[in-house]
Amino acid sequence: MHDSIFTVCKGFPFFICIKINAMKTMFLFLAGSLLTLTGFAQTYANNPYPRTITANGSAEMEIVPDEIYVQVVLKEYDKKGNGKITIDKIRQDFLTAVRSLGLPEDAVSVSNYDAYSNPWLRKKNKKEELYATITYQVKLRNTTQVDQLVDKLDDNATQNFYISRVTHSKMEEFRKNLKIEAIKSAKEKAQYLADAVNEKIGVAITINEPNEYYPQPMYNAMASNRMMKAEAQSDAAPEQPQADFKKIKIRYEVTVVFELK
């Protein structure tokens, strides 16, 4: 041992060499400790919450739609003794019917406008006529207005009448409230799971928002004006209240990661 010390500290007295080696040992110890602390600090920086708990929460509600969007397809036609009823006349009559329901101007918009020629009909009837078609989208508030609009449509001009979608005027507010309730549900679940192992939850670390569940109620995709009127007359009874549309179910799910204290 002394040989190794004198080899390292050649030219120095023995007691000085002892101090030099002690200092080297202390330096190596401090350097190792510093590296260990640096590693711990780096680990904490990369993952400041090593103990976590993940919980899922959900909330749902059903609402009656108050915005009903219908598509009305109108087409020019030939009327016996009067010739072709033009699209301008059909449009004018349709808009008059819509205004009679007390709907605002922005409740009606044009979805499509087309003028076409059916080769088979042209050959059969030996006509070169073009029959213009226009599609309107109308936003209604309830089934009563749907029935009222159906009653006012021109049977000959109406090619199709169908409900394209339904929603609610306060949909964004409902969604916001559901998200809040879903997060509260996740927190409650995380808390009682942590209580089971004598732990407490801390701050929320991450909140993951999957897609919300918002199915559209299914209705007949298409219905002619005559069919709609026939159904309304056969199903409706004067003494019975008007039935509402099928409710919309909204469901929201969320995944939250909480700190375990």
Protein backbone atom coordinates (compact mmCIF):
# COMPACT_ATOMS: atom_id res chain seq x y z
CA MET A 1 0.00 0.00 0.00
CA HIS A 2 2.80 2.36 0.92
CA ASP A 3 4.52 1.60 -2.39
CA SER A 4 1.41 2.65 -4.32
CA ILE A 5 1.07 5.81 -2.25
CA PHE A 6 4.70 6.75 -2.76
CA THR A 7 4.36 5.98 -6.47
CA VAL A 8 1.44 8.38 -6.78
CA CYS A 9 2.99 10.97 -4.45
CA LYS A 10 6.59 10.57 -5.47
CA GLY A 11 8.65 13.48 -4.17
CA PHE A 12 6.18 14.36 -1.34
CA PRO A 13 6.42 13.44 2.34
CA PHE A 14 4.26 10.51 3.50
CA PHE A 15 1.73 12.54 5.52
CA ILE A 16 1.16 14.87 2.56
CA CYS A 17 0.47 11.88 0.31
CA ILE A 18 -2.11 10.60 2.80
CA LYS A 19 -3.91 13.94 2.61
CA ILE A 20 -3.73 13.97 -1.19
CA ASN A 21 -5.32 10.51 -1.40
CA ALA A 22 -7.99 11.48 1.12
CA MET A 23 -8.83 14.52 -0.97
CA LYS A 24 -9.02 12.34 -4.08
CA THR A 25 -11.37 9.96 -2.32
CA MET A 26 -13.54 12.85 -1.13
CA PHE A 27 -13.58 14.35 -4.62
CA LEU A 28 -14.64 11.06 -6.17
CA PHE A 29 -17.38 10.67 -3.54
CA LEU A 30 -18.68 14.18 -4.15
CA ALA A 31 -18.56 13.69 -7.91
CA GLY A 32 -20.50 10.45 -7.61
CA SER A 33 -23.07 12.07 -5.33
CA LEU A 34 -23.44 14.97 -7.74
CA LEU A 35 -24.04 12.60 -10.64
CA THR A 36 -26.62 10.69 -8.60
CA LEU A 37 -28.44 13.90 -7.65
CA THR A 38 -28.30 15.05 -11.26
CA GLY A 39 -29.84 11.75 -12.34
CA PHE A 40 -32.63 12.11 -9.79
CA ALA A 41 -33.26 15.69 -10.88
CA GLN A 42 -33.35 14.65 -14.52
CA THR A 43 -35.77 11.83 -13.72
CA TYR A 44 -38.03 14.22 -11.80
CA ALA A 45 -37.86 16.75 -14.62
CA ASN A 46 -38.92 14.08 -17.11
CA ASN A 47 -41.66 12.72 -14.84
CA PRO A 48 -42.63 15.08 -12.00
CA TYR A 49 -45.60 12.83 -11.15
CA PRO A 50 -44.25 9.27 -10.85
CA ARG A 51 -47.37 8.11 -8.97
CA THR A 52 -50.65 8.60 -10.83
CA ILE A 53 -54.13 7.17 -11.19
CA THR A 54 -56.23 7.18 -14.38
CA ALA A 55 -60.02 7.32 -14.30
CA ASN A 56 -62.76 7.50 -16.93
CA GLY A 57 -65.87 9.62 -16.50
CA SER A 58 -69.04 9.97 -18.55
CA ALA A 59 -72.26 11.95 -18.68
CA GLU A 60 -75.29 11.79 -20.95
CA MET A 61 -78.66 13.42 -21.50
CA GLU A 62 -81.63 13.28 -23.85
CA ILE A 63 -83.17 16.37 -25.42
CA VAL A 64 -86.11 17.06 -27.69
CA PRO A 65 -84.85 18.80 -30.88
CA ASP A 66 -86.11 22.31 -31.53
CA GLU A 67 -84.37 22.72 -34.89
CA ILE A 68 -85.69 20.40 -37.62
CA TYR A 69 -84.06 20.72 -41.03
CA VAL A 70 -86.13 19.49 -43.96
CA GLN A 71 -85.23 19.31 -47.64
CA VAL A 72 -87.96 20.13 -50.15
CA VAL A 73 -87.30 19.22 -53.78
CA LEU A 74 -89.49 21.13 -56.27
CA LYS A 75 -89.69 20.57 -60.02
CA GLU A 76 -91.43 22.16 -62.98
CA TYR A 77 -94.35 20.19 -64.35
CA ASP A 78 -96.97 20.27 -67.09
CA LYS A 79 -100.48 21.16 -66.02
CA LYS A 80 -103.32 20.17 -68.28
CA GLY A 81 -104.76 23.21 -70.02
CA ASN A 82 -102.09 25.56 -68.63
CA GLY A 83 -98.88 24.19 -70.11
CA LYS A 84 -95.69 24.05 -68.07
CA ILE A 85 -95.72 25.54 -64.58
CA THR A 86 -92.39 27.35 -64.42
CA ILE A 87 -89.88 27.17 -61.62
CA ASP A 88 -90.35 30.88 -60.94
CA LYS A 89 -94.04 30.32 -60.26
CA ILE A 90 -93.30 27.27 -58.12
CA ARG A 91 -90.68 29.17 -56.12
CA GLN A 92 -93.00 32.10 -55.57
CA ASP A 93 -95.80 29.87 -54.31
CA PHE A 94 -93.42 27.93 -52.07
CA LEU A 95 -91.92 31.03 -50.44
CA THR A 96 -95.39 32.44 -49.89
CA ALA A 97 -96.38 29.22 -48.14
CA VAL A 98 -93.26 29.35 -45.96
CA ARG A 99 -93.87 32.98 -44.96
CA SER A 100 -97.43 32.12 -43.96
CA LEU A 101 -95.95 29.91 -41.22
CA GLY A 102 -94.29 32.95 -39.66
CA LEU A 103 -90.76 31.67 -40.28
CA PRO A 104 -87.87 34.17 -40.39
CA GLU A 105 -86.09 34.85 -43.68
CA ASP A 106 -82.95 32.98 -42.63
CA ALA A 107 -84.98 29.81 -42.01
CA VAL A 108 -85.10 29.13 -45.76
CA SER A 109 -82.11 28.61 -48.04
CA VAL A 110 -81.44 27.08 -51.47
CA SER A 111 -79.56 23.76 -51.28
CA ASN A 112 -79.46 22.94 -55.00
CA TYR A 113 -80.68 24.26 -58.33
CA ASP A 114 -80.64 22.25 -61.52
CA ALA A 115 -82.12 22.17 -65.01
CA TYR A 116 -81.94 18.81 -66.72
CA SER A 117 -83.43 16.79 -69.51
CA ASN A 118 -84.50 13.18 -69.08
CA PRO A 119 -83.57 11.38 -72.36
CA TRP A 120 -86.03 8.52 -71.79
CA LEU A 121 -88.99 10.83 -71.12
CA ARG A 122 -87.97 13.10 -73.99
CA LYS A 123 -87.97 10.14 -76.39
CA LYS A 124 -91.26 8.76 -75.06
CA ASN A 125 -93.13 12.06 -75.07
CA LYS A 126 -91.25 13.46 -78.07
CA LYS A 127 -90.46 16.62 -76.12
CA GLU A 128 -87.30 18.64 -75.87
CA GLU A 129 -88.41 20.36 -72.68
CA LEU A 130 -86.01 21.04 -69.83
CA TYR A 131 -87.56 20.77 -66.37
CA ALA A 132 -85.81 22.86 -63.75
CA THR A 133 -85.46 21.53 -60.23
CA ILE A 134 -84.74 23.44 -57.05
CA THR A 135 -84.10 22.14 -53.53
CA TYR A 136 -84.82 24.23 -50.46
CA GLN A 137 -83.68 23.66 -46.92
CA VAL A 138 -86.17 24.84 -44.31
CA LYS A 139 -85.47 25.07 -40.58
CA LEU A 140 -88.55 24.32 -38.49
CA ARG A 141 -89.07 24.30 -34.73
CA ASN A 142 -91.43 21.39 -34.14
CA THR A 143 -93.58 18.71 -35.73
CA THR A 144 -96.56 21.05 -35.91
CA GLN A 145 -94.68 23.28 -38.33
CA VAL A 146 -93.61 20.23 -40.32
CA ASP A 147 -97.24 19.22 -40.79
CA GLN A 148 -98.26 22.79 -41.63
CA LEU A 149 -95.59 23.03 -44.30
CA VAL A 150 -96.60 19.68 -45.81
CA ASP A 151 -100.21 20.85 -46.07
CA LYS A 152 -99.18 23.95 -48.01
CA LEU A 153 -96.94 22.27 -50.58
CA ASP A 154 -97.92 21.84 -54.22
CA ASP A 155 -98.45 18.10 -54.71
CA ASN A 156 -97.47 18.20 -58.37
CA ALA A 157 -94.33 20.29 -57.90
CA THR A 158 -93.01 18.51 -54.80
CA GLN A 159 -90.74 15.64 -55.81
CA ASN A 160 -89.27 14.84 -52.40
CA PHE A 161 -89.72 16.02 -48.83
CA TYR A 162 -87.43 14.62 -46.15
CA ILE A 163 -85.81 15.43 -42.82
CA SER A 164 -82.07 15.84 -43.27
CA ARG A 165 -81.08 16.42 -39.64
CA VAL A 166 -82.29 17.56 -36.24
CA THR A 167 -80.51 19.43 -33.46
CA HIS A 168 -81.13 21.88 -30.63
CA SER A 169 -80.55 25.61 -30.43
CA LYS A 170 -78.70 25.19 -27.09
CA MET A 171 -76.57 22.25 -28.19
CA GLU A 172 -73.23 23.94 -27.40
CA GLU A 173 -74.40 24.79 -23.89
CA PHE A 174 -75.53 21.19 -23.35
CA ARG A 175 -72.18 19.86 -24.57
CA LYS A 176 -70.25 22.17 -22.26
CA ASN A 177 -72.28 21.09 -19.22
CA LEU A 178 -71.87 17.42 -20.12
CA LYS A 179 -68.10 17.79 -20.35
CA ILE A 180 -68.01 19.35 -16.89
CA GLU A 181 -70.15 16.55 -15.46
CA ALA A 182 -67.97 13.89 -17.11
CA ILE A 183 -64.80 15.36 -15.58
CA LYS A 184 -66.47 15.53 -12.16
CA SER A 185 -67.45 11.88 -12.57
CA ALA A 186 -63.84 10.93 -13.38
CA LYS A 187 -62.57 12.79 -10.30
CA GLU A 188 -65.11 11.09 -8.04
CA LYS A 189 -64.14 7.68 -9.40
CA ALA A 190 -60.41 8.38 -8.97
CA GLN A 191 -60.98 9.50 -5.38
CA TYR A 192 -62.83 6.39 -4.20
CA LEU A 193 -60.35 4.13 -5.98
CA ALA A 194 -57.48 5.93 -4.24
CA ASP A 195 -59.31 5.74 -0.89
CA ALA A 196 -59.40 1.96 -1.26
CA VAL A 197 -55.58 1.88 -0.92
CA ASN A 198 -55.37 4.73 1.63
CA GLU A 199 -54.17 7.26 -0.92
CA LYS A 200 -55.33 10.74 -1.89
CA ILE A 201 -55.51 12.25 -5.33
CA GLY A 202 -53.83 15.52 -6.22
CA VAL A 203 -53.96 17.75 -9.25
CA ALA A 204 -55.27 16.67 -12.64
CA ILE A 205 -52.27 16.03 -14.89
CA THR A 206 -53.93 15.34 -18.25
CA ILE A 207 -57.49 15.41 -19.57
CA ASN A 208 -58.20 13.44 -22.73
CA GLU A 209 -61.34 14.24 -24.74
CA PRO A 210 -62.47 11.37 -27.02
CA ASN A 211 -65.18 11.91 -29.61
CA GLU A 212 -68.60 12.53 -28.12
CA TYR A 213 -71.52 10.22 -28.84
CA TYR A 214 -74.14 12.17 -30.75
CA PRO A 215 -76.28 9.89 -32.96
CA GLN A 216 -78.92 11.38 -35.21
CA PRO A 217 -82.43 9.97 -34.81
CA MET A 218 -83.42 7.95 -37.84
CA TYR A 219 -86.38 9.02 -39.96
CA ASN A 220 -87.62 8.05 -43.38
CA ALA A 221 -84.97 9.28 -45.78
CA MET A 222 -87.51 10.38 -48.38
CA ALA A 223 -91.21 10.93 -48.57
CA SER A 224 -93.41 12.35 -51.25
CA ASN A 225 -95.74 15.21 -50.46
CA ARG A 226 -98.82 13.01 -50.97
CA MET A 227 -97.44 10.33 -48.64
CA MET A 228 -96.67 12.88 -45.93
CA LYS A 229 -100.17 14.33 -46.14
CA ALA A 230 -101.78 10.88 -46.08
CA GLU A 231 -99.80 9.88 -42.99
CA ALA A 232 -100.62 13.13 -41.22
CA GLN A 233 -104.33 12.71 -41.91
CA SER A 234 -104.47 9.06 -40.90
CA ASP A 235 -102.32 9.28 -37.76
CA ALA A 236 -103.40 12.58 -36.29
CA ALA A 237 -106.45 12.86 -34.06
CA PRO A 238 -107.93 16.29 -33.25
CA GLU A 239 -108.22 15.58 -29.54
CA GLN A 240 -104.65 14.31 -29.17
CA PRO A 241 -101.60 16.56 -28.68
CA GLN A 242 -98.92 16.64 -31.36
CA ALA A 243 -96.16 14.13 -30.63
CA ASP A 244 -92.59 15.38 -30.35
CA PHE A 245 -89.69 14.11 -32.40
CA LYS A 246 -87.58 11.31 -31.07
CA LYS A 247 -85.16 12.61 -28.46
CA ILE A 248 -81.50 13.15 -29.22
CA LYS A 249 -79.11 11.32 -26.90
CA ILE A 250 -75.83 13.10 -26.19
CA ARG A 251 -73.07 11.21 -24.39
CA TYR A 252 -69.65 12.51 -23.46
CA GLU A 253 -66.69 10.51 -22.12
CA VAL A 254 -63.40 11.76 -20.72
CA THR A 255 -60.17 10.21 -19.39
CA VAL A 256 -58.33 12.08 -16.63
CA VAL A 257 -54.93 11.30 -15.07
CA PHE A 258 -54.57 12.49 -11.46
CA GLU A 259 -51.54 12.75 -9.21
CA LEU A 260 -51.35 10.39 -6.25
CA LYS A 261 -50.11 12.31 -3.23
